Amino acid sequence: MNVHCPTRISGLAAALLLAAAAFPASAHHSAAPFDLSKKISVQGTVEKWLWANPHSWLYIRAARPDGVQEIWGFEAGSTGMLARSGWNAADMKPGDKVTVGASPSRDGSHVALLSQVQLADGRLLNAAAGAPPPGVGAPPPGAAPSPR
């Protein structure tokens, strides 16, 4: 009888559990909710800039052509990914005027995958080239500012 068999089975079981746990993490980085074949541009005023991991979020207040105000949420990359592209937490603050380039959500909601931000001073911040797109999912609970 092989006394090492239980150890091998335990090792195999642990490896399978690790692989299974990694699957949801890789699925988290899907950009499926966004239509990457389309680009939108939204001008507005920064409501909140959440420099956070695993994903940063930019919320802006934009006026529709009829004057109605709406809040848009833009999902961005991690702080590390953005920092490598020249971004930092102090780039935007509430009240700043910005123009955001993004891929819209497929469901028509006011959420999009951020690709660039033009600041009021003309500086252009681009999302990291060659990096995987940010993950999906709702922003952290309570992160979206309420419309005024």
C-alpha atoms as a PDB file:
ATOM      1  CA  MET A   1       0.000   0.000   0.000  1.00  0.00           C
ATOM      2  CA  ASN A   2       1.277   3.459  -0.916  1.00  0.00           C
ATOM      3  CA  VAL A   3       1.351   5.716   2.168  1.00  0.00           C
ATOM      4  CA  HIS A   4       1.851   8.836   0.051  1.00  0.00           C
ATOM      5  CA  CYS A   5      -1.458   8.454  -1.780  1.00  0.00           C
ATOM      6  CA  PRO A   6      -3.516  10.554   0.696  1.00  0.00           C
ATOM      7  CA  THR A   7      -0.942  13.346   0.409  1.00  0.00           C
ATOM      8  CA  ARG A   8      -1.142  13.302  -3.395  1.00  0.00           C
ATOM      9  CA  ILE A   9      -4.945  13.329  -3.285  1.00  0.00           C
ATOM     10  CA  SER A  10      -4.896  16.235  -0.811  1.00  0.00           C
ATOM     11  CA  GLY A  11      -2.472  18.132  -3.051  1.00  0.00           C
ATOM     12  CA  LEU A  12      -4.614  17.498  -6.114  1.00  0.00           C
ATOM     13  CA  ALA A  13      -7.754  18.576  -4.251  1.00  0.00           C
ATOM     14  CA  ALA A  14      -6.032  21.783  -3.109  1.00  0.00           C
ATOM     15  CA  ALA A  15      -4.883  22.532  -6.658  1.00  0.00           C
ATOM     16  CA  LEU A  16      -8.397  22.009  -7.996  1.00  0.00           C
ATOM     17  CA  LEU A  17      -9.854  24.280  -5.311  1.00  0.00           C
ATOM     18  CA  LEU A  18      -7.348  27.007  -6.153  1.00  0.00           C
ATOM     19  CA  ALA A  19      -8.136  26.725  -9.854  1.00  0.00           C
ATOM     20  CA  ALA A  20     -11.867  26.885  -9.149  1.00  0.00           C
ATOM     21  CA  ALA A  21     -11.401  29.943  -6.947  1.00  0.00           C
ATOM     22  CA  ALA A  22      -9.394  31.708  -9.666  1.00  0.00           C
ATOM     23  CA  PHE A  23     -12.175  31.270 -12.245  1.00  0.00           C
ATOM     24  CA  PRO A  24     -14.550  33.856 -10.709  1.00  0.00           C
ATOM     25  CA  ALA A  25     -11.636  36.290 -10.347  1.00  0.00           C
ATOM     26  CA  SER A  26     -10.839  36.059 -14.059  1.00  0.00           C
ATOM     27  CA  ALA A  27     -14.526  36.376 -14.916  1.00  0.00           C
ATOM     28  CA  HIS A  28     -14.621  39.564 -12.830  1.00  0.00           C
ATOM     29  CA  HIS A  29     -12.516  41.316 -15.472  1.00  0.00           C
ATOM     30  CA  SER A  30     -15.071  40.970 -18.227  1.00  0.00           C
ATOM     31  CA  ALA A  31     -16.123  44.073 -20.134  1.00  0.00           C
ATOM     32  CA  ALA A  32     -19.221  42.279 -21.461  1.00  0.00           C
ATOM     33  CA  PRO A  33     -21.723  44.815 -20.018  1.00  0.00           C
ATOM     34  CA  PHE A  34     -20.094  47.545 -22.125  1.00  0.00           C
ATOM     35  CA  ASP A  35     -20.359  48.024 -25.890  1.00  0.00           C
ATOM     36  CA  LEU A  36     -16.681  48.393 -26.756  1.00  0.00           C
ATOM     37  CA  SER A  37     -17.544  49.049 -30.418  1.00  0.00           C
ATOM     38  CA  LYS A  38     -19.159  52.373 -29.418  1.00  0.00           C
ATOM     39  CA  LYS A  39     -17.647  55.500 -27.911  1.00  0.00           C
ATOM     40  CA  ILE A  40     -19.537  58.270 -26.163  1.00  0.00           C
ATOM     41  CA  SER A  41     -18.430  61.645 -24.900  1.00  0.00           C
ATOM     42  CA  VAL A  42     -20.070  63.138 -21.830  1.00  0.00           C
ATOM     43  CA  GLN A  43     -19.357  66.664 -20.558  1.00  0.00           C
ATOM     44  CA  GLY A  44     -20.140  67.556 -17.004  1.00  0.00           C
ATOM     45  CA  THR A  45     -19.083  68.459 -13.507  1.00  0.00           C
ATOM     46  CA  VAL A  46     -17.278  66.040 -11.214  1.00  0.00           C
ATOM     47  CA  GLU A  47     -19.500  64.892  -8.360  1.00  0.00           C
ATOM     48  CA  LYS A  48     -17.132  62.274  -6.959  1.00  0.00           C
ATOM     49  CA  TRP A  49     -13.773  60.750  -7.928  1.00  0.00           C
ATOM     50  CA  LEU A  50     -13.191  57.466  -6.122  1.00  0.00           C
ATOM     51  CA  TRP A  51      -9.506  56.558  -6.372  1.00  0.00           C
ATOM     52  CA  ALA A  52      -9.917  52.970  -5.195  1.00  0.00           C
ATOM     53  CA  ASN A  53      -9.138  49.332  -5.792  1.00  0.00           C
ATOM     54  CA  PRO A  54     -10.079  47.126  -7.428  1.00  0.00           C
ATOM     55  CA  HIS A  55     -11.611  49.832  -9.663  1.00  0.00           C
ATOM     56  CA  SER A  56     -11.736  53.583  -9.521  1.00  0.00           C
ATOM     57  CA  TRP A  57     -15.021  55.341 -10.295  1.00  0.00           C
ATOM     58  CA  LEU A  58     -15.712  58.810 -11.664  1.00  0.00           C
ATOM     59  CA  TYR A  59     -19.184  60.284 -11.193  1.00  0.00           C
ATOM     60  CA  ILE A  60     -20.190  63.389 -13.103  1.00  0.00           C
ATOM     61  CA  ARG A  61     -23.332  65.489 -13.337  1.00  0.00           C
ATOM     62  CA  ALA A  62     -24.275  66.155 -16.959  1.00  0.00           C
ATOM     63  CA  ALA A  63     -27.115  68.153 -18.464  1.00  0.00           C
ATOM     64  CA  ARG A  64     -29.226  66.580 -21.189  1.00  0.00           C
ATOM     65  CA  PRO A  65     -30.247  68.818 -24.123  1.00  0.00           C
ATOM     66  CA  ASP A  66     -33.592  69.450 -22.361  1.00  0.00           C
ATOM     67  CA  GLY A  67     -31.700  70.719 -19.298  1.00  0.00           C
ATOM     68  CA  VAL A  68     -32.458  67.739 -17.054  1.00  0.00           C
ATOM     69  CA  GLN A  69     -29.462  66.831 -14.904  1.00  0.00           C
ATOM     70  CA  GLU A  70     -28.306  63.225 -14.705  1.00  0.00           C
ATOM     71  CA  ILE A  71     -25.479  61.453 -12.914  1.00  0.00           C
ATOM     72  CA  TRP A  72     -23.118  59.269 -14.951  1.00  0.00           C
ATOM     73  CA  GLY A  73     -20.805  56.653 -13.419  1.00  0.00           C
ATOM     74  CA  PHE A  74     -17.599  55.726 -15.246  1.00  0.00           C
ATOM     75  CA  GLU A  75     -15.698  52.625 -14.253  1.00  0.00           C
ATOM     76  CA  ALA A  76     -11.923  52.937 -14.491  1.00  0.00           C
ATOM     77  CA  GLY A  77      -8.976  50.720 -13.704  1.00  0.00           C
ATOM     78  CA  SER A  78      -7.157  50.067 -10.473  1.00  0.00           C
ATOM     79  CA  THR A  79      -5.104  52.787  -8.837  1.00  0.00           C
ATOM     80  CA  GLY A  80      -1.891  51.029  -9.877  1.00  0.00           C
ATOM     81  CA  MET A  81      -2.943  50.733 -13.501  1.00  0.00           C
ATOM     82  CA  LEU A  82      -4.060  54.374 -13.606  1.00  0.00           C
ATOM     83  CA  ALA A  83      -0.915  55.602 -11.824  1.00  0.00           C
ATOM     84  CA  ARG A  84       1.259  53.850 -14.420  1.00  0.00           C
ATOM     85  CA  SER A  85      -0.638  55.863 -17.040  1.00  0.00           C
ATOM     86  CA  GLY A  86       0.042  59.156 -15.249  1.00  0.00           C
ATOM     87  CA  TRP A  87      -3.162  59.515 -13.191  1.00  0.00           C
ATOM     88  CA  ASN A  88      -3.349  60.309  -9.490  1.00  0.00           C
ATOM     89  CA  ALA A  89      -5.947  60.773  -6.787  1.00  0.00           C
ATOM     90  CA  ALA A  90      -5.693  64.579  -6.981  1.00  0.00           C
ATOM     91  CA  ASP A  91      -6.436  64.814 -10.724  1.00  0.00           C
ATOM     92  CA  MET A  92     -10.108  65.627 -10.151  1.00  0.00           C
ATOM     93  CA  LYS A  93     -12.217  67.036  -7.362  1.00  0.00           C
ATOM     94  CA  PRO A  94     -15.919  67.843  -7.025  1.00  0.00           C
ATOM     95  CA  GLY A  95     -16.827  70.873  -9.098  1.00  0.00           C
ATOM     96  CA  ASP A  96     -14.196  70.321 -11.812  1.00  0.00           C
ATOM     97  CA  LYS A  97     -15.439  70.458 -15.410  1.00  0.00           C
ATOM     98  CA  VAL A  98     -14.474  67.388 -17.454  1.00  0.00           C
ATOM     99  CA  THR A  99     -15.205  65.648 -20.726  1.00  0.00           C
ATOM    100  CA  VAL A 100     -15.208  61.860 -20.493  1.00  0.00           C
ATOM    101  CA  GLY A 101     -14.692  59.427 -23.360  1.00  0.00           C
ATOM    102  CA  ALA A 102     -16.075  55.965 -22.682  1.00  0.00           C
ATOM    103  CA  SER A 103     -17.779  52.836 -23.963  1.00  0.00           C
ATOM    104  CA  PRO A 104     -21.454  52.850 -22.950  1.00  0.00           C
ATOM    105  CA  SER A 105     -23.263  50.105 -21.093  1.00  0.00           C
ATOM    106  CA  ARG A 106     -25.235  47.740 -23.286  1.00  0.00           C
ATOM    107  CA  ASP A 107     -28.368  48.190 -21.155  1.00  0.00           C
ATOM    108  CA  GLY A 108     -28.595  51.953 -21.719  1.00  0.00           C
ATOM    109  CA  SER A 109     -27.960  52.889 -18.098  1.00  0.00           C
ATOM    110  CA  HIS A 110     -25.787  55.878 -17.222  1.00  0.00           C
ATOM    111  CA  VAL A 111     -22.732  53.710 -16.597  1.00  0.00           C
ATOM    112  CA  ALA A 112     -19.798  53.396 -18.966  1.00  0.00           C
ATOM    113  CA  LEU A 113     -16.260  52.028 -19.192  1.00  0.00           C
ATOM    114  CA  LEU A 114     -13.910  55.003 -19.009  1.00  0.00           C
ATOM    115  CA  SER A 115     -11.235  55.389 -21.686  1.00  0.00           C
ATOM    116  CA  GLN A 116     -10.124  58.993 -21.221  1.00  0.00           C
ATOM    117  CA  VAL A 117     -10.829  62.212 -19.353  1.00  0.00           C
ATOM    118  CA  GLN A 118     -10.101  65.703 -20.587  1.00  0.00           C
ATOM    119  CA  LEU A 119      -9.620  68.085 -17.678  1.00  0.00           C
ATOM    120  CA  ALA A 120     -10.601  71.761 -17.697  1.00  0.00           C
ATOM    121  CA  ASP A 121      -6.921  72.746 -18.172  1.00  0.00           C
ATOM    122  CA  GLY A 122      -6.851  70.704 -21.404  1.00  0.00           C
ATOM    123  CA  ARG A 123      -4.803  67.832 -20.017  1.00  0.00           C
ATOM    124  CA  LEU A 124      -5.908  64.434 -21.355  1.00  0.00           C
ATOM    125  CA  LEU A 125      -5.779  61.366 -19.110  1.00  0.00           C
ATOM    126  CA  ASN A 126      -5.921  58.070 -20.996  1.00  0.00           C
ATOM    127  CA  ALA A 127      -6.682  54.632 -19.615  1.00  0.00           C
ATOM    128  CA  ALA A 128      -3.720  52.266 -19.603  1.00  0.00           C
ATOM    129  CA  ALA A 129      -2.888  51.013 -23.074  1.00  0.00           C
ATOM    130  CA  GLY A 130      -2.646  47.256 -23.345  1.00  0.00           C
ATOM    131  CA  ALA A 131      -4.062  46.623 -19.890  1.00  0.00           C
ATOM    132  CA  PRO A 132      -7.110  44.419 -19.454  1.00  0.00           C
ATOM    133  CA  PRO A 133     -10.338  46.371 -19.187  1.00  0.00           C
ATOM    134  CA  PRO A 134     -11.635  47.088 -15.708  1.00  0.00           C
ATOM    135  CA  GLY A 135     -14.033  44.588 -14.239  1.00  0.00           C
ATOM    136  CA  VAL A 136     -17.736  44.829 -14.065  1.00  0.00           C
ATOM    137  CA  GLY A 137     -20.162  45.146 -11.283  1.00  0.00           C
ATOM    138  CA  ALA A 138     -21.853  47.834  -9.324  1.00  0.00           C
ATOM    139  CA  PRO A 139     -19.804  50.507  -7.638  1.00  0.00           C
ATOM    140  CA  PRO A 140     -19.282  50.089  -3.917  1.00  0.00           C
ATOM    141  CA  PRO A 141     -22.502  50.480  -1.897  1.00  0.00           C
ATOM    142  CA  GLY A 142     -23.307  54.105  -1.297  1.00  0.00           C
ATOM    143  CA  ALA A 143     -20.646  55.294  -3.771  1.00  0.00           C
ATOM    144  CA  ALA A 144     -23.002  56.936  -6.267  1.00  0.00           C
ATOM    145  CA  PRO A 145     -23.988  60.425  -5.260  1.00  0.00           C
ATOM    146  CA  SER A 146     -27.700  61.072  -5.193  1.00  0.00           C
ATOM    147  CA  PRO A 147     -29.078  63.535  -7.771  1.00  0.00           C
ATOM    148  CA  ARG A 148     -29.757  66.994  -6.412  1.00  0.00           C
END
